[in-house]
Protein backbone atom coordinates (compact mmCIF):
# COMPACT_ATOMS: atom_id res chain seq x y z
CA UNK A 1 -18.23 7.45 4.51
CA UNK A 2 -21.16 5.91 6.66
CA UNK A 3 -20.56 4.33 10.00
CA UNK A 4 -22.20 1.30 8.60
CA UNK A 5 -19.89 1.29 5.55
CA UNK A 6 -16.95 1.88 7.92
CA UNK A 7 -17.86 -1.35 9.81
CA UNK A 8 -18.06 -3.36 6.83
CA UNK A 9 -14.95 -2.28 5.73
CA UNK A 10 -13.30 -3.34 9.06
CA UNK A 11 -15.09 -6.45 9.02
CA UNK A 12 -14.06 -7.59 5.54
CA UNK A 13 -10.23 -6.60 6.20
CA UNK A 14 -9.91 -8.19 9.74
CA UNK A 15 -11.86 -11.47 8.93
CA UNK A 16 -8.83 -12.40 6.87
CA UNK A 17 -6.23 -12.02 9.55
CA UNK A 18 -4.73 -14.83 11.26
CA UNK A 19 -6.10 -15.53 14.67
CA UNK A 20 -2.23 -15.50 15.91
CA UNK A 21 -2.15 -11.78 14.41
CA UNK A 22 -5.25 -10.56 16.28
CA UNK A 23 -3.73 -12.27 19.59
CA UNK A 24 -0.50 -10.31 18.94
CA UNK A 25 -1.92 -7.18 18.21
CA UNK A 26 -4.35 -7.27 21.48
CA UNK A 27 -0.98 -8.23 23.47
CA UNK A 28 0.73 -5.25 22.07
CA UNK A 29 -1.84 -2.83 23.07
CA UNK A 30 -2.21 -4.44 26.69
CA UNK A 31 1.18 -5.31 27.21
CA UNK A 32 3.24 -2.84 25.28
CA UNK A 33 6.83 -4.25 24.81
CA UNK A 34 9.51 -2.50 26.57
CA UNK A 35 13.13 -2.47 25.45
CA UNK A 36 15.65 -3.36 28.24
CA UNK A 37 17.42 -0.80 30.18
CA UNK A 38 20.67 -2.69 29.43
CA UNK A 39 21.54 -5.41 27.12
CA UNK A 40 22.86 -8.83 27.80
CA UNK A 41 26.21 -9.63 28.04
CA UNK A 42 27.96 -10.37 24.70
CA UNK A 43 31.21 -9.91 22.81
CA UNK A 44 32.18 -9.89 19.42
CA UNK A 45 32.85 -12.94 18.05
CA UNK A 46 36.46 -13.82 17.26
CA UNK A 47 37.29 -14.56 13.70
CA UNK A 48 33.78 -13.79 12.10
CA UNK A 49 33.88 -12.84 8.33
CA UNK A 50 31.95 -12.43 5.51
CA UNK A 51 31.82 -12.52 1.85
CA UNK A 52 31.09 -8.69 0.19
CA UNK A 53 27.52 -7.85 0.33
CA UNK A 54 25.58 -6.07 -2.04
CA UNK A 55 25.90 -2.28 -1.45
CA UNK A 56 22.77 -0.68 -0.44
CA UNK A 57 20.96 2.21 -2.47
CA UNK A 58 21.94 4.93 -0.22
CA UNK A 59 20.89 8.42 0.53
CA UNK A 60 22.21 11.28 -1.06
CA UNK A 61 23.92 13.67 1.32
CA UNK A 62 25.38 16.76 0.34
CA UNK A 63 25.66 20.66 1.34
CA UNK A 64 23.75 19.93 5.01
CA UNK A 65 20.95 17.87 3.24
CA UNK A 66 20.00 14.04 3.37
CA UNK A 67 17.85 12.74 0.64
CA UNK A 68 15.55 9.41 1.30
CA UNK A 69 12.56 8.30 -0.53
CA UNK A 70 12.82 11.38 -3.09
CA UNK A 71 12.77 14.01 -0.24
CA UNK A 72 15.90 15.94 0.88
CA UNK A 73 15.84 17.60 4.27
CA UNK A 74 18.67 19.63 6.43
CA UNK A 75 20.77 17.28 8.19
CA UNK A 76 23.82 18.28 10.32
CA UNK A 77 26.47 15.89 10.91
CA UNK A 78 27.72 17.81 14.13
CA UNK A 79 24.04 17.61 15.60
CA UNK A 80 21.72 15.18 13.59
CA UNK A 81 18.24 15.72 14.20
CA UNK A 82 17.41 11.83 14.88
CA UNK A 83 13.53 12.71 15.51
CA UNK A 84 12.53 14.75 12.17
CA UNK A 85 9.12 14.93 13.57
CA UNK A 86 7.64 16.95 10.71
CA UNK A 87 9.01 14.11 8.27
CA UNK A 88 6.71 11.33 6.82
CA UNK A 89 7.07 8.21 8.37
CA UNK A 90 8.83 6.37 5.79
CA UNK A 91 11.42 8.93 5.78
CA UNK A 92 11.88 8.91 9.30
CA UNK A 93 12.13 5.23 8.95
CA UNK A 94 14.94 5.44 6.36
CA UNK A 95 16.87 7.82 8.78
CA UNK A 96 16.77 5.06 11.31
CA UNK A 97 18.07 2.59 8.71
CA UNK A 98 21.75 3.56 8.56
CA UNK A 99 21.95 2.17 4.74
CA UNK A 100 24.58 5.06 3.98
CA UNK A 101 27.44 2.67 6.10
CA UNK A 102 27.67 0.88 2.85
CA UNK A 103 28.34 3.69 0.69
CA UNK A 104 30.58 6.88 0.05
CA UNK A 105 28.45 9.67 1.25
CA UNK A 106 30.18 9.66 4.53
CA UNK A 107 33.78 9.06 5.33
CA UNK A 108 34.94 6.23 8.00
CA UNK A 109 34.83 8.73 10.48
CA UNK A 110 31.69 10.35 9.62
CA UNK A 111 30.11 7.16 9.87
CA UNK A 112 31.67 6.19 13.39
CA UNK A 113 30.50 9.42 14.56
CA UNK A 114 27.30 9.18 13.42
CA UNK A 115 26.95 5.65 15.20
CA UNK A 116 28.18 7.13 18.35
CA UNK A 117 26.01 10.18 18.36
CA UNK A 118 23.12 7.83 17.88
CA UNK A 119 23.92 5.71 20.76
CA UNK A 120 24.25 8.95 22.72
CA UNK A 121 21.40 10.91 21.82
CA UNK A 122 18.58 8.76 21.01
CA UNK A 123 16.78 7.57 24.30
CA UNK A 124 15.91 3.97 24.36
CA UNK A 125 12.21 3.30 23.39
CA UNK A 126 12.17 6.71 20.97
CA UNK A 127 9.30 6.37 18.67
CA UNK A 128 10.55 5.18 15.23
CA UNK A 129 13.89 4.42 15.93
CA UNK A 130 13.17 1.59 18.46
CA UNK A 131 10.50 0.09 16.31
CA UNK A 132 11.03 -3.22 15.35
CA UNK A 133 11.38 -2.85 11.76
CA UNK A 134 13.90 -0.01 12.05
CA UNK A 135 15.85 -2.04 14.45
CA UNK A 136 16.03 -4.94 12.29
CA UNK A 137 17.61 -2.95 9.32
CA UNK A 138 19.78 -0.82 11.47
CA UNK A 139 21.35 -3.99 13.45
CA UNK A 140 22.25 -5.73 10.22
CA UNK A 141 23.80 -2.22 8.82
CA UNK A 142 25.66 -1.57 11.78
CA UNK A 143 27.04 -5.21 11.63
CA UNK A 144 27.90 -5.30 8.12
CA UNK A 145 29.73 -2.25 8.71
CA UNK A 146 31.65 -3.55 11.55
CA UNK A 147 32.32 -6.67 9.80
CA UNK A 148 34.28 -4.63 7.08
CA UNK A 149 36.57 -3.02 9.93
CA UNK A 150 40.05 -4.25 10.87
CA UNK A 151 39.78 -7.44 13.29
CA UNK A 152 39.44 -6.31 17.07
CA UNK A 153 38.60 -2.75 16.29
CA UNK A 154 34.81 -2.85 16.80
CA UNK A 155 34.26 -0.52 19.86
CA UNK A 156 32.83 -1.94 23.18
CA UNK A 157 29.89 0.77 22.91
CA UNK A 158 28.89 -0.48 19.82
CA UNK A 159 28.63 -4.04 20.84
CA UNK A 160 26.64 -3.29 24.02
CA UNK A 161 24.09 -0.85 21.87
CA UNK A 162 23.76 -3.77 19.48
CA UNK A 163 23.17 -6.12 22.32
CA UNK A 164 20.42 -3.84 23.80
CA UNK A 165 18.90 -3.23 20.26
CA UNK A 166 18.72 -6.84 19.41
CA UNK A 167 17.31 -7.56 22.75
CA UNK A 168 14.43 -5.16 22.24
CA UNK A 169 13.77 -6.60 19.06
CA UNK A 170 13.57 -10.30 20.42
CA UNK A 171 10.74 -8.98 22.95
CA UNK A 172 9.04 -7.39 19.86
CA UNK A 173 9.02 -9.67 16.96
CA UNK A 174 6.48 -8.64 14.46
CA UNK A 175 4.21 -11.51 14.61
CA UNK A 176 1.18 -9.29 14.29
CA UNK A 177 2.23 -8.17 10.85
CA UNK A 178 4.35 -11.17 9.45
CA UNK A 179 5.55 -11.38 6.02
CA UNK A 180 8.33 -9.32 4.84
CA UNK A 181 8.68 -7.35 8.30
CA UNK A 182 9.09 -10.76 10.19
CA UNK A 183 11.57 -11.81 7.68
CA UNK A 184 13.49 -8.82 8.30
CA UNK A 185 13.49 -9.55 12.06
CA UNK A 186 14.91 -13.03 11.74
CA UNK A 187 17.62 -11.73 9.30
CA UNK A 188 18.62 -9.23 12.22
CA UNK A 189 18.71 -12.13 14.77
CA UNK A 190 20.75 -14.18 12.72
CA UNK A 191 22.97 -11.44 11.95
CA UNK A 192 23.51 -10.66 16.05
CA UNK A 193 23.81 -14.30 16.48
CA UNK A 194 26.84 -15.17 14.06
CA UNK A 195 28.71 -11.75 14.79
CA UNK A 196 28.21 -11.64 18.72
CA UNK A 197 28.85 -14.32 21.33
CA UNK A 198 27.09 -15.42 24.40
CA UNK A 199 24.14 -16.74 25.95
CA UNK A 200 21.78 -14.33 24.47
CA UNK A 201 23.52 -14.54 20.92
CA UNK A 202 23.14 -18.24 20.85
CA UNK A 203 19.36 -17.68 21.62
CA UNK A 204 19.21 -15.10 18.83
CA UNK A 205 20.69 -17.16 16.27
CA UNK A 206 18.36 -19.93 17.01
CA UNK A 207 15.34 -17.85 16.97
CA UNK A 208 16.47 -16.11 13.81
CA UNK A 209 17.30 -19.32 11.96
CA UNK A 210 13.79 -20.66 12.79
CA UNK A 211 11.98 -17.42 11.47
CA UNK A 212 14.37 -17.47 8.28
CA UNK A 213 13.57 -21.30 7.23
CA UNK A 214 9.89 -20.86 8.12
CA UNK A 215 9.83 -17.85 5.71
CA UNK A 216 11.78 -19.87 2.83
CA UNK A 217 8.81 -22.19 2.80
CA UNK A 218 6.17 -19.86 3.08
CA UNK A 219 7.22 -16.45 1.86
CA UNK A 220 9.18 -17.66 -1.27
CA UNK A 221 6.10 -19.57 -3.56
CA UNK A 222 7.02 -22.55 -5.71
CA UNK A 223 7.48 -20.55 -8.83
CA UNK A 224 10.10 -18.43 -6.99
CA UNK A 225 8.25 -15.06 -6.23
CA UNK A 226 7.75 -13.41 -3.01
CA UNK A 227 4.42 -13.85 -1.60
CA UNK A 228 3.36 -10.32 -1.18
CA UNK A 229 3.52 -9.85 -4.97
CA UNK A 230 5.53 -6.99 -5.14
CA UNK A 231 8.59 -6.99 -7.54
CA UNK A 232 10.58 -4.41 -5.18
CA UNK A 233 9.63 -6.60 -2.10
CA UNK A 234 10.70 -9.48 -4.11
CA UNK A 235 14.11 -8.08 -4.36
CA UNK A 236 14.43 -6.90 -1.02
CA UNK A 237 13.44 -10.51 0.21
CA UNK A 238 15.92 -12.14 -2.19
CA UNK A 239 18.90 -10.06 -0.98
CA UNK A 240 17.77 -10.94 2.70
CA UNK A 241 18.12 -14.65 2.09
CA UNK A 242 21.30 -14.07 0.00
CA UNK A 243 22.90 -11.95 2.98
CA UNK A 244 21.78 -14.70 5.56
CA UNK A 245 23.62 -17.24 3.15
CA UNK A 246 26.53 -15.19 2.44
CA UNK A 247 27.36 -14.79 6.19
CA UNK A 248 26.53 -18.67 7.29
CA UNK A 249 28.75 -20.11 4.52
CA UNK A 250 31.32 -17.59 5.55
CA UNK A 251 31.26 -18.52 9.17
CA UNK A 252 30.53 -22.34 8.93
CA UNK A 253 29.50 -24.58 11.77
CA UNK A 254 26.84 -21.86 13.35
CA UNK A 255 23.95 -23.34 11.43
CA UNK A 256 23.28 -26.93 10.12
CA UNK A 257 23.81 -28.23 6.65
CA UNK A 258 20.05 -28.57 6.20
CA UNK A 259 19.15 -24.96 7.49
CA UNK A 260 21.78 -23.42 5.29
CA UNK A 261 20.47 -25.38 2.25
CA UNK A 262 17.08 -24.64 2.81
CA UNK A 263 17.99 -20.96 2.99
CA UNK A 264 19.90 -21.33 -0.53
CA UNK A 265 17.14 -23.08 -2.16
CA UNK A 266 14.87 -20.55 -1.48
CA UNK A 267 17.18 -17.84 -2.86
CA UNK A 268 17.88 -19.88 -5.99
CA UNK A 269 14.23 -19.97 -6.33
CA UNK A 270 13.58 -16.36 -6.06
CA UNK A 271 16.69 -15.62 -8.33
CA UNK A 272 14.81 -17.77 -11.12
CA UNK A 273 11.88 -15.74 -10.49
CA UNK A 274 13.78 -12.26 -11.01
CA UNK A 275 15.31 -13.74 -14.07
CA UNK A 276 11.80 -14.74 -15.60
CA UNK A 277 10.02 -11.66 -14.81
CA UNK A 278 12.24 -8.65 -15.90
CA UNK A 279 11.07 -6.40 -18.51
CA UNK A 280 12.20 -5.57 -21.96
CA UNK A 281 14.20 -2.65 -20.03
CA UNK A 282 15.96 -5.53 -18.01
CA UNK A 283 14.50 -4.51 -14.79
CA UNK A 284 11.11 -5.11 -12.55
CA UNK A 285 7.59 -4.12 -13.50
CA UNK A 286 6.12 -1.95 -11.03
CA UNK A 287 3.20 -4.00 -9.64
CA UNK A 288 1.49 -3.44 -6.74
CA UNK A 289 3.96 -1.32 -4.22
CA UNK A 290 6.77 -1.08 -6.15
CA UNK A 291 9.60 1.50 -7.22
CA UNK A 292 12.79 1.96 -8.66
CA UNK A 293 15.73 3.07 -6.57
CA UNK A 294 14.47 1.18 -3.21
CA UNK A 295 16.72 -1.83 -4.23
CA UNK A 296 19.61 -2.10 -6.36
CA UNK A 297 18.68 -2.82 -10.13
CA UNK A 298 17.55 -6.40 -11.06
CA UNK A 299 21.01 -6.86 -12.55
CA UNK A 300 23.14 -6.24 -9.51
CA UNK A 301 20.95 -8.15 -7.70
CA UNK A 302 21.19 -11.27 -9.76
CA UNK A 303 24.95 -10.50 -9.90
CA UNK A 304 25.10 -10.99 -6.10
CA UNK A 305 22.96 -13.73 -6.22
CA UNK A 306 25.55 -15.63 -8.68
CA UNK A 307 28.33 -14.88 -6.36
CA UNK A 308 26.39 -16.23 -3.35
CA UNK A 309 24.44 -19.30 -4.49
CA UNK A 310 25.60 -19.93 -8.21
CA UNK A 311 24.16 -18.85 -11.44
CA UNK A 312 20.40 -19.88 -12.17
CA UNK A 313 19.97 -23.59 -13.01
CA UNK A 314 16.61 -23.09 -15.05
CA UNK A 315 14.59 -24.74 -12.67
CA UNK A 316 11.88 -22.18 -13.20
CA UNK A 317 13.02 -21.05 -16.57
CA UNK A 318 12.25 -24.68 -17.49
CA UNK A 319 8.62 -23.92 -17.30
CA UNK A 320 8.82 -20.76 -19.29
CA UNK A 321 11.35 -21.73 -21.62
CA UNK A 322 10.88 -21.09 -25.34
CA UNK A 323 8.40 -23.93 -26.58
CA UNK A 324 9.02 -23.41 -30.25
CA UNK A 325 10.19 -20.56 -32.78
CA UNK A 326 10.62 -17.60 -32.68
CA UNK A 327 12.96 -17.72 -29.89
CA UNK A 328 11.47 -15.57 -26.73
CA UNK A 329 10.76 -16.66 -23.10
CA UNK A 330 7.44 -17.43 -22.33
CA UNK A 331 6.75 -16.14 -18.54
CA UNK A 332 4.28 -18.46 -16.79
CA UNK A 333 4.24 -17.90 -13.13
CA UNK A 334 1.05 -19.18 -12.00
CA UNK A 335 1.52 -19.23 -7.96
CA UNK A 336 2.61 -15.56 -8.06
CA UNK A 337 0.55 -14.74 -11.15
CA UNK A 338 2.50 -13.24 -13.66
CA UNK A 339 2.03 -13.87 -17.44
CA UNK A 340 3.45 -13.05 -20.70
CA UNK A 341 6.39 -13.30 -22.56
CA UNK A 342 9.97 -11.52 -23.34
CA UNK A 343 11.90 -11.13 -26.44
CA UNK A 344 15.20 -9.22 -26.35
CA UNK A 345 13.73 -5.68 -25.71
CA UNK A 346 10.18 -6.47 -25.74
CA UNK A 347 7.90 -7.72 -23.26
CA UNK A 348 4.16 -7.78 -21.98
CA UNK A 349 3.96 -9.20 -18.57
CA UNK A 350 0.22 -9.39 -17.21
CA UNK A 351 -0.58 -9.38 -13.38
CA UNK A 352 -3.53 -11.85 -12.67
CA UNK A 353 -2.27 -13.01 -9.31
CA UNK A 354 -3.45 -12.79 -5.67
CA UNK A 355 -3.49 -9.29 -4.20
CA UNK A 356 -0.85 -10.64 -1.73
CA UNK A 357 -1.35 -13.38 1.17
CA UNK A 358 -4.91 -12.86 2.59
CA UNK A 359 -3.36 -12.13 6.14
CA UNK A 360 -0.93 -9.22 5.01
CA UNK A 361 -2.39 -7.50 1.59
CA UNK A 362 -0.67 -4.08 2.48
CA UNK A 363 1.04 -3.57 -0.43
CA UNK A 364 -1.88 -4.34 -2.72
CA UNK A 365 -2.94 -2.16 -5.79
CA UNK A 366 -6.15 -2.48 -7.86
CA UNK A 367 -4.02 -4.10 -10.48
CA UNK A 368 -5.46 -7.33 -11.36
CA UNK A 369 -5.24 -8.05 -15.27
CA UNK A 370 -2.93 -4.92 -15.43
CA UNK A 371 -0.01 -5.07 -17.66
CA UNK A 372 3.18 -3.32 -18.72
CA UNK A 373 4.57 -3.13 -22.32
CA UNK A 374 8.26 -2.43 -23.28
CA UNK A 375 9.14 -2.37 -26.93
CA UNK A 376 12.95 -2.26 -27.81
CA UNK A 377 13.95 -1.56 -24.04
CA UNK A 378 11.40 1.38 -23.99
CA UNK A 379 8.46 1.50 -21.72
CA UNK A 380 5.30 2.25 -23.55
CA UNK A 381 2.35 1.25 -21.25
CA UNK A 382 3.52 1.26 -17.50
CA UNK A 383 2.07 0.94 -14.13
CA UNK A 384 1.50 3.75 -11.58
CA UNK A 385 4.48 3.05 -9.49
CA UNK A 386 4.53 4.29 -5.79
CA UNK A 387 4.85 7.63 -4.47
CA UNK A 388 4.49 7.37 -0.89
CA UNK A 389 3.25 5.29 2.20
CA UNK A 390 1.27 8.24 3.67
CA UNK A 391 -2.63 8.31 4.16
CA UNK A 392 -4.19 10.54 1.64
CA UNK A 393 -5.86 11.07 -1.87
CA UNK A 394 -2.57 10.71 -3.67
CA UNK A 395 -1.68 7.27 -2.01
CA UNK A 396 -5.49 6.16 -2.84
CA UNK A 397 -5.32 7.13 -6.26
CA UNK A 398 -2.02 5.30 -6.90
CA UNK A 399 -3.57 2.22 -5.38
CA UNK A 400 -6.85 2.66 -7.38
CA UNK A 401 -8.03 0.80 -10.46
CA UNK A 402 -8.14 3.88 -12.46
CA UNK A 403 -4.16 4.22 -11.98
CA UNK A 404 -3.66 1.05 -13.72
CA UNK A 405 -4.24 -0.79 -17.09
CA UNK A 406 -7.19 -2.71 -16.47
CA UNK A 407 -11.10 -2.23 -16.16
CA UNK A 408 -13.17 -0.34 -13.87
CA UNK A 409 -17.06 -0.80 -13.78
CA UNK A 410 -19.37 1.79 -11.96
CA UNK A 411 -16.58 3.88 -10.87
CA UNK A 412 -15.76 1.05 -8.25
CA UNK A 413 -12.63 -0.44 -7.17
CA UNK A 414 -11.95 -4.07 -8.11
CA UNK A 415 -10.38 -4.58 -4.62
CA UNK A 416 -11.72 -2.50 -1.53
CA UNK A 417 -8.62 -0.55 -0.91
CA UNK A 418 -8.79 1.86 2.07
CA UNK A 419 -6.13 3.74 4.38
CA UNK A 420 -2.58 3.31 3.47
CA UNK A 421 -2.24 -0.34 3.53
CA UNK A 422 -5.54 -1.70 4.05
CA UNK A 423 -7.70 -4.06 1.59
CA UNK A 424 -11.48 -5.30 2.56
CA UNK A 425 -12.84 -6.94 -0.10
CA UNK A 426 -10.54 -8.17 -2.55
CA UNK A 427 -10.32 -9.32 -6.30
CA UNK A 428 -9.55 -13.07 -6.92
CA UNK A 429 -8.57 -14.40 -10.26
CA UNK A 430 -9.88 -17.32 -11.78
CA UNK A 431 -9.67 -19.43 -15.04
CA UNK A 432 -6.37 -17.96 -15.88
CA UNK A 433 -4.71 -19.55 -19.02
CA UNK A 434 -1.32 -19.12 -21.20
CA UNK A 435 -1.20 -21.00 -24.42
CA UNK A 436 2.05 -22.59 -25.56
CA UNK A 437 3.84 -20.61 -28.18
CA UNK A 438 2.09 -21.10 -31.66
CA UNK A 439 3.95 -19.67 -34.61
CA UNK A 440 5.27 -16.60 -32.29
CA UNK A 441 2.06 -16.15 -30.72
CA UNK A 442 0.75 -16.51 -27.28
CA UNK A 443 -2.93 -16.22 -26.20
CA UNK A 444 -3.56 -15.18 -22.14
CA UNK A 445 -7.14 -15.14 -20.78
CA UNK A 446 -8.37 -14.60 -17.32
CA UNK A 447 -10.94 -13.09 -14.93
CA UNK A 448 -11.52 -12.04 -11.54
CA UNK A 449 -14.50 -11.64 -8.96
CA UNK A 450 -13.95 -8.36 -7.68
CA UNK A 451 -16.96 -6.98 -9.24
CA UNK A 452 -19.25 -9.62 -8.36
CA UNK A 453 -20.24 -7.63 -5.26
CA UNK A 454 -22.05 -5.06 -7.52
CA UNK A 455 -25.73 -5.36 -8.78
CA UNK A 456 -25.71 -7.71 -11.44
CA UNK A 457 -22.77 -9.80 -10.42
CA UNK A 458 -20.40 -8.07 -13.36
CA UNK A 459 -17.16 -10.17 -13.87
CA UNK A 460 -14.30 -8.75 -15.69
CA UNK A 461 -12.47 -10.90 -18.41
CA UNK A 462 -9.61 -10.13 -20.47
CA UNK A 463 -8.12 -12.03 -23.22
CA UNK A 464 -4.96 -10.78 -24.62
CA UNK A 465 -3.04 -12.18 -27.61
CA UNK A 466 0.56 -11.53 -27.61
CA UNK A 467 2.57 -11.66 -31.04
CA UNK A 468 6.40 -11.24 -31.18
CA UNK A 469 6.41 -9.75 -34.24
CA UNK A 470 5.07 -6.67 -32.36
CA UNK A 471 1.11 -6.92 -32.16
CA UNK A 472 -0.96 -6.90 -29.07
CA UNK A 473 -4.53 -7.50 -28.99
CA UNK A 474 -6.29 -6.87 -25.73
CA UNK A 475 -10.26 -7.72 -25.36
CA UNK A 476 -11.97 -6.95 -22.32
CA UNK A 477 -15.56 -8.58 -21.65
CA UNK A 478 -17.88 -7.82 -18.71
CA UNK A 479 -20.75 -10.29 -18.35
CA UNK A 480 -23.48 -10.17 -15.67
CA UNK A 481 -26.83 -8.39 -15.83
CA UNK A 482 -27.97 -4.76 -15.79
CA UNK A 483 -26.90 -1.77 -16.91
CA UNK A 484 -23.03 -0.77 -16.17
CA UNK A 485 -20.41 1.71 -16.80
CA UNK A 486 -17.29 -0.04 -17.84
CA UNK A 487 -14.23 1.55 -18.50
CA UNK A 488 -10.93 0.35 -19.72
CA UNK A 489 -7.72 2.17 -18.72
CA UNK A 490 -4.37 2.67 -20.72
CA UNK A 491 -1.47 4.68 -19.19
CA UNK A 492 1.16 5.76 -21.38
CA UNK A 493 4.88 6.56 -20.08
CA UNK A 494 5.68 10.11 -19.79
CA UNK A 495 7.98 9.81 -22.69
CA UNK A 496 5.16 8.39 -25.02
CA UNK A 497 3.16 10.94 -27.02
CA UNK A 498 -0.25 10.04 -28.39
CA UNK A 499 -1.68 11.94 -31.51
CA UNK A 500 -5.16 11.10 -32.80
CA UNK A 501 -4.83 9.71 -36.28
CA UNK A 502 -7.42 8.15 -38.63
CA UNK A 503 -10.94 7.26 -36.88
CA UNK A 504 -10.31 5.22 -33.56
CA UNK A 505 -6.95 5.40 -34.08
CA UNK A 506 -4.14 6.79 -32.27
CA UNK A 507 -0.21 7.28 -33.15
CA UNK A 508 2.07 6.39 -30.33
CA UNK A 509 5.54 8.07 -30.54
CA UNK A 510 8.33 6.95 -28.40
CA UNK A 511 11.93 7.74 -27.75
CA UNK A 512 14.54 6.02 -30.33
CA UNK A 513 11.92 6.82 -33.11
CA UNK A 514 9.48 4.02 -32.09
CA UNK A 515 5.87 4.35 -33.59
CA UNK A 516 2.86 2.27 -32.63
CA UNK A 517 -0.60 2.58 -33.74
CA UNK A 518 -3.55 2.01 -31.21
CA UNK A 519 -6.98 1.00 -32.66
CA UNK A 520 -9.91 1.10 -30.79
CA UNK A 521 -12.96 -1.32 -31.47
CA UNK A 522 -16.36 0.01 -32.20
CA UNK A 523 -18.89 0.72 -29.64
CA UNK A 524 -16.86 2.83 -27.27
CA UNK A 525 -15.96 6.51 -26.54
CA UNK A 526 -12.28 7.39 -26.10
CA UNK A 527 -11.43 10.16 -23.75
CA UNK A 528 -8.15 11.34 -22.37
CA UNK A 529 -7.58 11.87 -18.83
CA UNK A 530 -4.45 13.00 -16.78
CA UNK A 531 -2.48 10.81 -14.99
CA UNK A 532 0.65 10.02 -12.82
CA UNK A 533 3.48 7.98 -13.01
CA UNK A 534 5.60 7.60 -9.86
CA UNK A 535 8.85 5.47 -10.80
CA UNK A 536 10.72 6.10 -7.71
CA UNK A 537 9.39 7.00 -4.02
CA UNK A 538 9.21 11.05 -4.20
CA UNK A 539 8.81 11.31 -7.76
CA UNK A 540 5.71 12.52 -9.27
CA UNK A 541 5.31 12.57 -13.49
CA UNK A 542 2.58 13.80 -15.33
CA UNK A 543 1.17 11.52 -17.89
CA UNK A 544 -1.54 11.21 -20.16
CA UNK A 545 -4.12 8.19 -20.21
CA UNK A 546 -6.73 6.82 -22.38
CA UNK A 547 -10.02 5.60 -21.19
CA UNK A 548 -12.22 3.49 -23.50
CA UNK A 549 -15.69 3.38 -22.04
CA UNK A 550 -19.08 2.00 -22.91
CA UNK A 551 -22.26 2.24 -20.75
CA UNK A 552 -25.02 -0.09 -21.35
CA UNK A 553 -26.69 -3.43 -20.80
CA UNK A 554 -24.06 -6.18 -19.97
CA UNK A 555 -22.51 -8.11 -21.71
CA UNK A 556 -20.13 -5.17 -22.77
CA UNK A 557 -16.78 -5.66 -24.70
CA UNK A 558 -13.99 -3.27 -25.32
CA UNK A 559 -11.22 -4.24 -27.41
CA UNK A 560 -8.09 -2.60 -28.70
CA UNK A 561 -4.91 -3.23 -30.67
CA UNK A 562 -1.35 -1.94 -30.21
CA UNK A 563 1.01 -2.55 -33.34
CA UNK A 564 4.44 -1.59 -33.73
CA UNK A 565 5.02 0.35 -37.39
C-alpha cells in the first residue's frame, strides 16, 4: 500500500473513535499503568455465596498437552510455561484466563497447585498475564472457584494475589477500547467487591456496578442484541450480566434494588434476543467474529438465564411472533440488524445491521446483506466463521466480502477492513424492510452505501423472498453509473455437495438425504471457487463456493432461487 493510502486508512479509522478513547490511548502511552507492588488490605467476606454458575467451555488437557482455540501445545503441571512466547496472542490470553477451574480436566489438587504456581512464578506486570482483559477473566474464575470451596478455606495467599490483581485492574481499566472489554473489567470489579471485604473492595464494587449499569444501557440494544453485533460476543456479554445478577441476588444488600433490576432487565432483553436468533440448528449464526466452542451452546446459556432471571417473557418475541398462518417465527431485530424467519429446523437469517459501534468495530466482517440458511436443522449456506485473531492473509480473507454470502463490486471490500481488528470506511445499511407474513411468505429488502466511494457511486440492494414451504429467492441489484464487475458469492457448508444439473441449475445434496435445486438467473456467468469454513477457532475446513458474476454497465442484476426438492 502507498503511504497516502495508509494515511487515509488511519484517518478513516481514527475519526470514528471517541475523544475519550484517544485521550486514554495517549495516557497509556505517556504514563503506562504500573501494577502495585503489593495489594491493598482485604479479607475474604464471611458468608459470601452464589448459585451455580454456567460451567466454562474448558481447555482439553491430556498427556502433557493443553488445547486452547483449537491449538494444542505442551503443558507441564509440574512446571507450567506461563509465558508460551511462541504461541499466538489469543492462545496466551486463554492460558491466563484459568477457565479450566470450572471443569473436570484437572483435579482439585491440580487446580490449587496451578493457582499457587502462577502466584509464585508469574512476575507482577508480566506481558499478557497482567494485561487488564486477562486479569478480568482470571479474577472472576479464581473467585468462582474459591466460592465453591468449603467455608473458611480460601488460602490467604490467593486473597492477597486477588487483591493485587484487582488493584492493578482498577488502575488500568480499558476505557481506550470500551465495549466488551470494559464490561469484563466491570464484572471483575463487582466479583472482587462482593467476595472481598475492606475499603478497597467497597471501591471496586461501586466502580464495577457503575460500569455494569452503564453497560446495560449502552451495550445491550433495545432489541436485546449486543452492540458489537457478534452472536458469540452476545452470549459472552449475556453470561456476564447473568453472573453478576446471580452473585448480587445471592448476597443481598451489596447493591441497590434498582441496580440489580437494571442488570437483570438487560439480561432478560439479551436472553430474548438469543431466543430469537437461533438458527434451525438451534445455535447462533456465525456473523462477524463468531465461532462455536468459545461459549456454551445457546441452549445451555438459555437454561442458565432461566435459572437466574426467569424464562423469556416474550417482550421481544412479541415483535417477531407469528403474524399469520403457517406458524413460523418472524425475526425482526432492527437495532442489531438481523432479519428473517425460523420454522422448526428451517431458518434464513440476514445480517443487515451496522458493522458494530463506530468507536469499536474490531469484530467486524464484511457480511452486510449476507445470510445463513438451515433446512431441517442442517446448515446449507453458512458464514465463514473465525479461525484466529492473528494479523495475516487468512484473517483478512475470513473478514473479507468474498468470504460471505453477499456482493462484491470491482474486487473491493464493502467495508475497508485492515489489520486484525481495524475498519476504516464502513458499509452502512439503509432502506431496510421486512414485510409481515403473507400466506407463509416474507419479503426482505435492504441496501448499503459501502461501495459509494467507488467511481459511479454503486449501491448494492438485496431483495429476498422467504417462503416457509422451502423456497428462497434472492435478487441483487447494483445501481449507479459506469461499467463494473459485480460478483455474488454463495458459500456452501462443507457437507453440502454441489453438482451441475440442467442449464443454469445445480443440485445440492446435504446430510439426511436433503436435496435442493439452485437456479441462477440469466445474464451471469457462474464459476466455482475454493473457500473455507471455520466453525471453531483453529478449525479450517475446505469448502466450495459459487460465484455469480456479471461485468457491464450499471444497473446490473443477479438473481437466484433455492428450492427444497
